[in-house]
Each structure stands twice: as C-alpha cells, then as structure tokens.
Amino acid sequence: MAKRKNILVITYWSYKEALIQAYTLPYLRIIYNQLPSGSIIYLVTFEQEKQKLSANEKAQVKARLRLQGIKLITLTYSKFSLLSFVKGSIYLLYLISVIFIRRINYIHAWCTPAGSIGYILSKFTGKKLIIDSYEPHADAMVENNTWKRESRQYNLLFNLEKRLTKHANIIISATQLMYEYAKERYGHAIEKFYVKPACVDNSFFAPKKRKNEELLRQLNLNDKVTCVYAGKFGGIYLSREVFDFFKVAQEYWKGKFRALVLTNHPKEQLYEWAAAAGFDHTNLVIRFVSHDEIPEFMGLGDFAITPVKPIPSKRYCTPIKDGEYWALGLPVVITSDISDDSDLISENKIGYVLQELDTENYLNACKKIDQLLQTAEKEGLQDKIRSMAYKYRSYSIAESVYRSIYAQELNPERETS
C-alpha cells in the first residue's frame, strides 16, 4: 500500500469567494481521489473582513470539509505588498511549522500571489512546489492601472513570479500560450508544464436550471431579452463600458431588453454608470446570490457577457464564467484576445467578439445575438454551445491532469503497487 501524502494548498482568497467555491474546492476533491488512503489536504485561505466566516460558520465548514479529507486553515488577508510580507512573517513561520508537524509532502499554490508564498515556503522546507492556475499577475496589475511598473509592489511580485517559475517542480496553466510567455518574460523554459482551463460542473450548470418560471415571474423577465453578467466590475473587468453596451442593447430591443447583473458591487455605483451611459436603471436587475443559486439565476439569461479588459496579460487566463455560460447553453459576448475563449466563440459562431469598445461593435453584437436567438431552435444552438463546455471545460480534463501529477509523476509507487 502506498504511503499517505499530505498537501498544503495555498490560496490568497477568502473561503466564501467564488474562486474558492467554484475554482478550488472542486479540484481539491479531484486531487484527493488521486491520493493514497489516509492523506490529508490542508487548505489555506486569507480572509477579508467583509467575507470573514463567523465562529459558527467556520465550525460548520471545517466539519464538512473534514469529511472530504480537507482541513481548513484561515489567515487574515492584507493587500499584496512589501509591507504585507513583513507583517506576514509570523504566518510564514506558522506555515513552516505546519509543514513539518503535519508532515506535508507537497505545496500546491493557486495563482502567482499565493505561489509567491508557496515559493518561500518551498525554499525554506525543501518541499516540492506545484503552481496551479499559473498566469501573469504582476503585469496584469500594471495593465489594468492598479500598479505602476516602477512600483515596489510590481517589482517584488514580478521577481517572485520569475523565481517561482524557475523553482517550481510542476506548473499548471490555463492555456498553452503561458509556456511561451514564461520563456519570453521570465527567461525560463518550463520542464513540467500542464494545461488545465477553468473547468465547470456540467451537471450543476445544466439546461434544467434555465428559465425557472418562478424566478422569471419574480424578476419580471418573462418575454424579455435578458443579458446576464455574473461577476465584478473594475480591476481586470470593464465597468462603465458594460453599461454603454446595455444602452445600445436597450435601443436595439426597445422595451424588451433587460440586464441581469449578479454581483455584490455597490448598487449606487452601478446606477451611476447606468445614468452616465443613458441606460434606464428600471431595465437593470441586480442580485447577489449564493454559489448554489448561481445556475438558476444565470439560466434566466438569453445570452451573457464576459467584460474582461482586453489587456495583453488576459490572453493567458481563462474566465470561469465562460464555461458556466456555455454549460447553460448561453451565447456569449466577449472582448477580444481573452484566453482561447474569444477565438472559440468566433470560430464556432456561438456569440460575438468585440473588436473595439464602441457603439458600432455593441450594435453588431446585438444583431448577431438576435440572429442566434431567432434561429436557436432550428440550429440546435443550445446543444452546440453545451458541447463546448464538455469539450473545453469538462472536469475530466482536470482529472487527467491531477492523475498524471499525483497518481503517477509524484507517486509512481502507487501505479506499481
């Protein structure tokens, strides 16, 4: 029998965030199935005050995760900076102690901010390092105007990204393009490189979740053309431009258009952008719902929008929401050069790619979506779009990657036992 293998998983998100619920926990369950019996996954989260678990919530979460072979370690979040590393020195010492006391075999870090922590821990402890969802973060922060290229934050993170790229034993990226990026920007040809896009549970985001009659009635969306957006505004996402698009859609579909926005962004700010764009806020439906409710609310849409800022670094990411939209059979309006998704949408004619953020492109998008919706039943549009989710976002892709890593490459004795 193979010896048990314990993993320290490091994220830089709060437990309640969708990035944990939809983008980390499902993968940890897959990883756990590749490990020898008795193995434990220790999950580290960094809790922001506004999303902090209450004592009762934490107890319930820990009990639930324990049944899945996962133990939760919650730390307090602080913005990524040189100062945060100074303040976080006690966390590093604590995690080093966890690595030795809990007999951790591997450090598995999600994205490069958490990967930087994983890199430091790996250097101190000698444990193997796996970087998951590997993409450029420092360059993205400059491109979306959050940091200056000459700032200490940028230089610190960029240099850590460069170092962890060379140090990591295994790197998992959302797109093959990241391999060339690493060669060009970090000067390193990654030896053990895997590709795993943002996968989706096709049974959770399923056609049966579409057009819930009670929700349609409650939100007054019957007989409307509804564009759904689930996500944030600002940072890597567009803001005012989304409402400029809504304004064009409002004029195109007249009184039938509605925008359903699933977000926790302050309503006042959304109404301000709507007013500035000339979009009637009575055509705007705003809800913040739990992860479990997302499919049914997202399924109220006739089409969806992915307003990622078309900046160079976004060529190397994969938006989670695209897979969720596809699994529900929704056509998608997306900005250009976003991962492989923009090309897939264009080539397969399952939405529209905005080449520019202007009225002409917004109108062309509305016309294309209208055409798709009018011929949807005849052309089998929903099944065609769902097939994209199965082909490019299925969890079977993640299962194959993690099996190759944990059941074979890092644990060859299991294959021969």
Protein backbone atom coordinates (compact mmCIF):
# COMPACT_ATOMS: atom_id res chain seq x y z
CA MET A 1 0.00 0.00 0.00
CA ALA A 2 1.28 3.46 -0.90
CA LYS A 3 2.17 5.82 1.92
CA ARG A 4 -0.22 8.67 2.55
CA LYS A 5 0.67 12.05 1.06
CA ASN A 6 -0.32 15.33 2.73
CA ILE A 7 -0.66 18.54 0.71
CA LEU A 8 -0.59 22.15 1.82
CA VAL A 9 -2.81 24.11 -0.59
CA ILE A 10 -2.28 27.87 -0.51
CA THR A 11 -4.77 30.36 -1.90
CA TYR A 12 -4.96 34.14 -1.47
CA TRP A 13 -8.76 34.30 -1.26
CA SER A 14 -11.48 34.25 1.39
CA TYR A 15 -13.30 30.96 1.86
CA LYS A 16 -16.66 32.44 0.81
CA GLU A 17 -15.30 33.76 -2.50
CA ALA A 18 -16.45 32.09 -5.71
CA LEU A 19 -12.78 31.44 -6.52
CA ILE A 20 -12.70 29.03 -3.58
CA GLN A 21 -16.17 27.57 -4.04
CA ALA A 22 -16.11 27.13 -7.82
CA TYR A 23 -12.42 27.21 -8.66
CA THR A 24 -10.59 25.50 -5.81
CA LEU A 25 -12.75 23.07 -3.81
CA PRO A 26 -13.93 21.02 -6.82
CA TYR A 27 -10.29 20.48 -7.83
CA LEU A 28 -9.27 19.55 -4.30
CA ARG A 29 -11.87 16.80 -4.31
CA ILE A 30 -10.42 15.52 -7.59
CA ILE A 31 -6.88 15.69 -6.18
CA TYR A 32 -7.92 13.87 -3.01
CA ASN A 33 -9.20 10.96 -5.11
CA GLN A 34 -5.70 10.58 -6.59
CA LEU A 35 -4.02 10.34 -3.17
CA PRO A 36 -3.29 7.24 -1.09
CA SER A 37 -5.77 6.41 1.67
CA GLY A 38 -5.35 8.49 4.83
CA SER A 39 -3.90 11.52 3.03
CA ILE A 40 -4.97 15.00 4.13
CA ILE A 41 -5.24 18.27 2.21
CA TYR A 42 -4.64 21.40 4.30
CA LEU A 43 -6.36 24.38 2.65
CA VAL A 44 -5.06 27.88 3.48
CA THR A 45 -7.34 30.87 2.88
CA PHE A 46 -6.78 34.57 3.55
CA GLU A 47 -9.98 36.01 4.97
CA GLN A 48 -11.07 39.55 4.15
CA GLU A 49 -13.08 41.29 6.86
CA LYS A 50 -16.21 41.71 4.73
CA GLN A 51 -16.27 37.98 3.92
CA LYS A 52 -15.00 36.64 7.21
CA LEU A 53 -16.54 33.41 8.47
CA SER A 54 -18.37 33.67 11.77
CA ALA A 55 -17.34 31.25 14.52
CA ASN A 56 -20.43 29.14 13.85
CA GLU A 57 -19.89 29.18 10.06
CA LYS A 58 -16.26 28.22 10.47
CA ALA A 59 -17.15 25.26 12.69
CA GLN A 60 -19.71 24.02 10.16
CA VAL A 61 -17.33 24.48 7.22
CA LYS A 62 -14.48 22.69 8.99
CA ALA A 63 -16.74 19.76 9.90
CA ARG A 64 -18.00 19.47 6.33
CA LEU A 65 -14.52 19.68 4.78
CA ARG A 66 -13.09 17.18 7.24
CA LEU A 67 -15.43 14.55 5.77
CA GLN A 68 -13.81 15.23 2.39
CA GLY A 69 -10.24 14.84 3.67
CA ILE A 70 -9.68 18.62 3.79
CA LYS A 71 -8.64 20.67 6.81
CA LEU A 72 -9.14 24.44 6.70
CA ILE A 73 -6.53 26.96 7.88
CA THR A 74 -7.80 30.57 7.87
CA LEU A 75 -5.41 33.53 7.99
CA THR A 76 -6.15 37.26 7.78
CA TYR A 77 -5.86 38.96 4.39
CA SER A 78 -3.77 42.04 3.70
CA LYS A 79 -3.11 43.66 0.34
CA PHE A 80 -0.13 42.25 -1.55
CA SER A 81 2.87 44.50 -0.93
CA LEU A 82 6.33 44.52 0.60
CA LEU A 83 4.74 45.52 3.90
CA SER A 84 2.37 42.56 3.78
CA PHE A 85 5.37 40.23 3.60
CA VAL A 86 6.91 41.92 6.63
CA LYS A 87 3.63 41.69 8.54
CA GLY A 88 3.16 38.16 7.28
CA SER A 89 6.43 36.83 8.60
CA ILE A 90 4.58 35.25 11.51
CA TYR A 91 2.33 33.45 9.01
CA LEU A 92 5.36 32.10 7.19
CA LEU A 93 6.77 30.74 10.43
CA TYR A 94 3.41 29.25 11.28
CA LEU A 95 3.05 27.57 7.88
CA ILE A 96 6.60 26.24 8.08
CA SER A 97 5.65 24.65 11.38
CA VAL A 98 2.52 23.19 9.78
CA ILE A 99 4.63 21.69 7.00
CA PHE A 100 6.86 19.84 9.46
CA ILE A 101 4.32 18.99 12.16
CA ARG A 102 1.67 17.79 9.70
CA ARG A 103 4.26 16.03 7.56
CA ILE A 104 3.39 17.89 4.38
CA ASN A 105 4.78 16.29 1.22
CA TYR A 106 3.83 18.88 -1.39
CA ILE A 107 2.95 22.57 -1.52
CA HIS A 108 0.22 23.32 -4.07
CA ALA A 109 -0.38 27.05 -4.65
CA TRP A 110 -3.18 28.68 -6.63
CA CYS A 111 -2.12 31.62 -8.86
CA THR A 112 1.11 33.58 -8.52
CA PRO A 113 0.38 35.74 -5.40
CA ALA A 114 -0.21 32.56 -3.39
CA GLY A 115 2.51 30.93 -5.47
CA SER A 116 4.96 33.50 -4.13
CA ILE A 117 4.16 32.36 -0.60
CA GLY A 118 4.50 28.77 -1.74
CA TYR A 119 7.88 29.57 -3.28
CA ILE A 120 9.23 30.97 0.01
CA LEU A 121 7.89 28.00 1.97
CA SER A 122 9.36 25.56 -0.53
CA LYS A 123 12.76 27.24 -0.35
CA PHE A 124 12.77 27.04 3.46
CA THR A 125 11.45 23.48 3.74
CA GLY A 126 12.67 21.78 0.57
CA LYS A 127 9.16 20.53 -0.23
CA LYS A 128 8.11 20.13 -3.84
CA LEU A 129 6.12 23.05 -5.25
CA ILE A 130 3.18 22.85 -7.67
CA ILE A 131 1.85 26.13 -9.09
CA ASP A 132 -1.76 25.92 -10.28
CA SER A 133 -3.67 28.45 -12.43
CA TYR A 134 -0.33 29.96 -13.41
CA GLU A 135 -0.77 33.28 -15.16
CA PRO A 136 0.88 36.73 -15.11
CA HIS A 137 -0.39 38.74 -12.15
CA ALA A 138 2.20 41.50 -11.81
CA ASP A 139 1.89 42.54 -15.47
CA ALA A 140 -1.91 42.38 -15.21
CA MET A 141 -1.87 44.78 -12.24
CA VAL A 142 0.08 47.30 -14.33
CA GLU A 143 -2.04 46.83 -17.44
CA ASN A 144 -5.28 47.44 -15.54
CA ASN A 145 -3.75 50.58 -13.95
CA THR A 146 -3.74 49.26 -10.37
CA TRP A 147 0.07 49.42 -10.03
CA LYS A 148 2.82 51.40 -11.72
CA ARG A 149 5.55 49.40 -13.42
CA GLU A 150 8.18 51.18 -11.31
CA SER A 151 6.32 50.45 -8.03
CA ARG A 152 7.79 48.25 -5.33
CA GLN A 153 4.71 46.02 -5.41
CA TYR A 154 5.16 45.31 -9.11
CA ASN A 155 8.90 44.67 -8.89
CA LEU A 156 8.51 42.45 -5.85
CA LEU A 157 5.79 40.29 -7.38
CA PHE A 158 7.34 40.15 -10.84
CA ASN A 159 10.66 38.97 -9.41
CA LEU A 160 8.89 36.40 -7.27
CA GLU A 161 6.98 35.19 -10.34
CA LYS A 162 10.28 34.84 -12.17
CA ARG A 163 11.87 32.93 -9.28
CA LEU A 164 8.91 30.62 -8.64
CA THR A 165 8.73 29.83 -12.38
CA LYS A 166 12.30 28.52 -12.26
CA HIS A 167 11.89 26.84 -8.87
CA ALA A 168 8.51 25.08 -9.20
CA ASN A 169 8.58 21.33 -9.79
CA ILE A 170 5.32 21.39 -11.75
CA ILE A 171 3.34 24.24 -13.31
CA ILE A 172 -0.32 24.08 -14.35
CA SER A 173 -1.63 26.87 -16.58
CA ALA A 174 -5.00 27.69 -18.10
CA THR A 175 -3.58 27.94 -21.60
CA GLN A 176 -0.65 26.60 -23.61
CA LEU A 177 0.27 30.18 -24.50
CA MET A 178 1.63 30.67 -20.99
CA TYR A 179 4.56 28.41 -21.78
CA GLU A 180 5.86 30.90 -24.37
CA TYR A 181 5.11 33.82 -22.07
CA ALA A 182 7.31 32.28 -19.37
CA LYS A 183 10.15 31.81 -21.86
CA GLU A 184 9.91 35.41 -23.04
CA ARG A 185 9.17 37.27 -19.78
CA TYR A 186 10.90 35.06 -17.19
CA GLY A 187 13.63 33.60 -19.38
CA HIS A 188 12.77 30.03 -18.48
CA ALA A 189 11.53 27.03 -20.48
CA ILE A 190 9.27 25.14 -18.07
CA GLU A 191 10.11 21.45 -17.98
CA LYS A 192 6.94 20.01 -16.43
CA PHE A 193 4.06 22.06 -17.79
CA TYR A 194 0.37 21.08 -17.81
CA VAL A 195 -2.67 22.84 -19.25
CA LYS A 196 -5.96 22.86 -17.32
CA PRO A 197 -8.57 25.52 -18.19
CA ALA A 198 -11.22 26.74 -15.75
CA CYS A 199 -13.43 23.66 -15.72
CA VAL A 200 -17.13 23.52 -14.91
CA ASP A 201 -19.57 21.01 -13.43
CA ASN A 202 -21.84 20.30 -16.39
CA SER A 203 -24.44 18.66 -14.16
CA PHE A 204 -24.61 21.71 -11.85
CA PHE A 205 -24.74 24.25 -14.70
CA ALA A 206 -27.31 22.33 -16.74
CA PRO A 207 -30.20 23.19 -19.12
CA LYS A 208 -32.73 22.13 -16.48
CA LYS A 209 -31.61 25.18 -14.47
CA ARG A 210 -32.70 27.53 -17.28
CA LYS A 211 -35.77 29.75 -17.27
CA ASN A 212 -37.04 29.00 -13.77
CA GLU A 213 -40.65 30.13 -14.06
CA GLU A 214 -40.96 31.41 -10.50
CA LEU A 215 -37.78 33.49 -10.78
CA LEU A 216 -38.85 34.83 -14.18
CA ARG A 217 -42.10 35.96 -12.61
CA GLN A 218 -40.44 37.46 -9.52
CA LEU A 219 -37.92 39.45 -11.55
CA ASN A 220 -40.40 40.34 -14.32
CA LEU A 221 -38.23 38.77 -17.03
CA ASN A 222 -40.94 36.88 -18.93
CA ASP A 223 -40.94 37.70 -22.65
CA LYS A 224 -37.79 39.79 -22.26
CA VAL A 225 -34.40 39.55 -23.96
CA THR A 226 -32.12 39.22 -20.96
CA CYS A 227 -28.35 39.67 -20.89
CA VAL A 228 -26.80 38.13 -17.78
CA TYR A 229 -23.48 39.05 -16.21
CA ALA A 230 -22.12 37.27 -13.15
CA GLY A 231 -19.03 38.91 -11.70
CA LYS A 232 -17.19 42.00 -10.62
CA PHE A 233 -16.56 45.46 -12.05
CA GLY A 234 -13.21 47.22 -12.14
CA GLY A 235 -9.74 45.69 -11.83
CA ILE A 236 -9.47 43.20 -14.69
CA TYR A 237 -13.11 43.85 -15.64
CA LEU A 238 -14.71 46.70 -17.54
CA SER A 239 -17.17 48.94 -15.70
CA ARG A 240 -18.83 51.91 -17.42
CA GLU A 241 -18.32 50.23 -20.83
CA VAL A 242 -20.68 47.40 -19.79
CA PHE A 243 -23.48 49.94 -19.38
CA ASP A 244 -22.61 51.56 -22.68
CA PHE A 245 -23.29 48.14 -24.22
CA PHE A 246 -26.53 47.82 -22.25
CA LYS A 247 -27.62 51.22 -23.59
CA VAL A 248 -27.16 50.06 -27.20
CA ALA A 249 -28.99 46.80 -26.41
CA GLN A 250 -31.82 48.78 -24.81
CA GLU A 251 -32.25 50.81 -28.00
CA TYR A 252 -31.97 47.73 -30.24
CA TRP A 253 -34.53 45.58 -28.41
CA LYS A 254 -36.64 48.55 -27.31
CA GLY A 255 -38.73 47.76 -24.22
CA LYS A 256 -37.87 44.05 -24.27
CA PHE A 257 -34.25 44.28 -23.09
CA ARG A 258 -33.20 43.61 -19.51
CA ALA A 259 -29.75 43.38 -17.91
CA LEU A 260 -29.47 40.86 -15.07
CA VAL A 261 -26.31 41.55 -13.05
CA LEU A 262 -25.26 39.03 -10.39
CA THR A 263 -22.75 40.90 -8.25
CA ASN A 264 -22.03 42.27 -4.78
CA HIS A 265 -20.79 45.56 -6.27
CA PRO A 266 -22.50 48.58 -4.63
CA LYS A 267 -25.80 49.30 -6.37
CA GLU A 268 -25.22 53.05 -6.17
CA GLN A 269 -22.15 52.74 -8.36
CA LEU A 270 -23.99 50.59 -10.90
CA TYR A 271 -26.83 53.11 -11.08
CA GLU A 272 -24.27 55.89 -11.54
CA TRP A 273 -22.69 54.10 -14.52
CA ALA A 274 -26.14 53.36 -15.93
CA ALA A 275 -27.13 57.04 -15.71
CA ALA A 276 -23.87 58.16 -17.32
CA ALA A 277 -24.45 55.74 -20.21
CA GLY A 278 -28.09 56.76 -20.62
CA PHE A 279 -29.27 53.26 -19.65
CA ASP A 280 -32.63 53.19 -17.88
CA HIS A 281 -31.98 51.66 -14.44
CA THR A 282 -35.50 50.20 -14.42
CA ASN A 283 -34.19 47.77 -17.05
CA LEU A 284 -31.42 46.71 -14.67
CA VAL A 285 -31.94 43.80 -12.27
CA ILE A 286 -29.23 43.43 -9.61
CA ARG A 287 -28.91 40.41 -7.33
CA PHE A 288 -26.16 38.96 -5.14
CA VAL A 289 -26.81 35.26 -4.68
CA SER A 290 -25.00 32.31 -3.14
CA HIS A 291 -22.91 29.99 -5.29
CA ASP A 292 -25.60 27.30 -5.05
CA GLU A 293 -28.15 29.67 -6.60
CA ILE A 294 -25.94 30.94 -9.43
CA PRO A 295 -27.01 28.42 -12.14
CA GLU A 296 -30.73 29.16 -11.81
CA PHE A 297 -30.19 32.92 -11.83
CA MET A 298 -27.62 32.75 -14.62
CA GLY A 299 -30.03 30.49 -16.51
CA LEU A 300 -32.59 33.30 -16.67
CA GLY A 301 -30.46 34.94 -19.35
CA ASP A 302 -30.90 34.60 -23.10
CA PHE A 303 -27.25 35.49 -23.61
CA ALA A 304 -24.31 36.52 -21.46
CA ILE A 305 -21.41 38.94 -21.43
CA THR A 306 -17.78 38.48 -20.35
CA PRO A 307 -16.39 42.02 -19.98
CA VAL A 308 -12.74 41.23 -19.23
CA LYS A 309 -10.49 44.17 -20.08
CA PRO A 310 -8.75 43.32 -23.37
CA ILE A 311 -5.25 43.79 -21.96
CA PRO A 312 -2.28 41.65 -23.12
CA SER A 313 -2.00 39.50 -19.98
CA LYS A 314 -5.60 38.29 -20.27
CA ARG A 315 -4.50 36.19 -23.24
CA TYR A 316 -3.11 33.80 -20.64
CA CYS A 317 -6.11 33.37 -18.33
CA THR A 318 -9.41 31.52 -18.66
CA PRO A 319 -12.57 33.18 -17.26
CA ILE A 320 -14.51 30.69 -15.15
CA LYS A 321 -17.80 32.26 -16.16
CA ASP A 322 -17.43 31.34 -19.85
CA GLY A 323 -17.55 27.64 -19.05
CA GLU A 324 -20.59 28.22 -16.84
CA TYR A 325 -22.35 30.21 -19.57
CA TRP A 326 -21.55 27.51 -22.14
CA ALA A 327 -22.74 24.71 -19.86
CA LEU A 328 -26.11 26.51 -19.67
CA GLY A 329 -26.18 26.91 -23.46
CA LEU A 330 -25.86 30.69 -23.48
CA PRO A 331 -24.32 32.65 -26.38
CA VAL A 332 -21.60 34.98 -25.09
CA VAL A 333 -20.49 38.50 -25.97
CA ILE A 334 -16.79 38.77 -25.08
CA THR A 335 -13.91 41.19 -25.55
CA SER A 336 -11.06 40.28 -27.91
CA ASP A 337 -8.00 38.15 -27.15
CA ILE A 338 -9.27 36.66 -23.90
CA SER A 339 -7.53 33.32 -23.40
CA ASP A 340 -8.64 30.83 -26.07
CA ASP A 341 -12.27 31.79 -25.45
CA SER A 342 -12.54 34.74 -27.83
CA ASP A 343 -11.26 32.59 -30.70
CA LEU A 344 -13.53 29.66 -29.77
CA ILE A 345 -16.60 31.91 -29.68
CA SER A 346 -15.75 33.47 -33.04
CA GLU A 347 -14.77 30.25 -34.82
CA ASN A 348 -17.81 28.32 -33.58
CA LYS A 349 -20.27 31.20 -34.11
CA ILE A 350 -21.68 30.98 -30.58
CA GLY A 351 -21.60 34.66 -29.70
CA TYR A 352 -19.78 37.82 -30.68
CA VAL A 353 -16.25 39.14 -30.10
CA LEU A 354 -15.99 42.89 -29.52
CA GLN A 355 -13.00 44.07 -31.53
CA GLU A 356 -13.42 47.59 -30.16
CA LEU A 357 -15.36 49.06 -27.26
CA ASP A 358 -17.59 51.34 -29.29
CA THR A 359 -21.20 51.78 -30.40
CA GLU A 360 -20.66 50.10 -33.76
CA ASN A 361 -19.31 46.93 -32.17
CA TYR A 362 -22.03 46.93 -29.50
CA LEU A 363 -24.71 47.20 -32.18
CA ASN A 364 -23.12 44.43 -34.26
CA ALA A 365 -23.07 42.25 -31.15
CA CYS A 366 -26.79 42.83 -30.59
CA LYS A 367 -27.56 41.99 -34.21
CA LYS A 368 -25.52 38.77 -34.03
CA ILE A 369 -27.09 37.68 -30.76
CA ASP A 370 -30.57 38.47 -32.11
CA GLN A 371 -29.86 36.31 -35.16
CA LEU A 372 -28.64 33.45 -32.98
CA LEU A 373 -31.67 33.63 -30.69
CA GLN A 374 -34.13 33.72 -33.57
CA THR A 375 -32.62 30.62 -35.18
CA ALA A 376 -31.62 28.87 -31.93
CA GLU A 377 -34.16 26.05 -32.00
CA LYS A 378 -33.70 25.36 -35.71
CA GLU A 379 -29.91 25.35 -35.47
CA GLY A 380 -29.71 23.42 -32.19
CA LEU A 381 -27.80 26.33 -30.66
CA GLN A 382 -28.08 25.26 -27.02
CA ASP A 383 -26.69 21.78 -27.68
CA LYS A 384 -23.91 23.25 -29.82
CA ILE A 385 -22.87 25.63 -27.05
CA ARG A 386 -23.13 22.92 -24.39
CA SER A 387 -20.80 20.75 -26.44
CA MET A 388 -18.16 23.48 -25.98
CA ALA A 389 -18.39 23.11 -22.22
CA TYR A 390 -17.95 19.35 -22.49
CA LYS A 391 -15.04 19.60 -24.90
CA TYR A 392 -13.11 22.52 -23.41
CA ARG A 393 -14.26 22.84 -19.77
CA SER A 394 -15.09 19.34 -18.56
CA TYR A 395 -13.79 18.21 -15.18
CA SER A 396 -12.41 15.17 -16.99
CA ILE A 397 -9.61 17.48 -18.18
CA ALA A 398 -8.72 18.34 -14.58
CA GLU A 399 -8.98 14.69 -13.55
CA SER A 400 -6.48 13.72 -16.24
CA VAL A 401 -4.03 16.46 -15.21
CA TYR A 402 -4.18 15.72 -11.49
CA ARG A 403 -3.98 11.98 -12.09
CA SER A 404 -0.84 12.49 -14.14
CA ILE A 405 0.69 14.58 -11.37
CA TYR A 406 -0.40 12.97 -8.11
CA ALA A 407 -1.11 9.36 -9.02
CA GLN A 408 1.81 8.98 -11.42
CA GLU A 409 4.51 11.62 -11.52
CA LEU A 410 4.69 12.39 -7.79
CA ASN A 411 3.58 8.98 -6.60
CA PRO A 412 4.88 6.33 -9.03
CA GLU A 413 4.85 3.62 -6.37
CA ARG A 414 1.04 3.73 -6.40
CA GLU A 415 0.99 2.75 -10.06
CA THR A 416 3.12 -0.32 -9.42
CA SER A 417 1.68 -1.38 -6.09
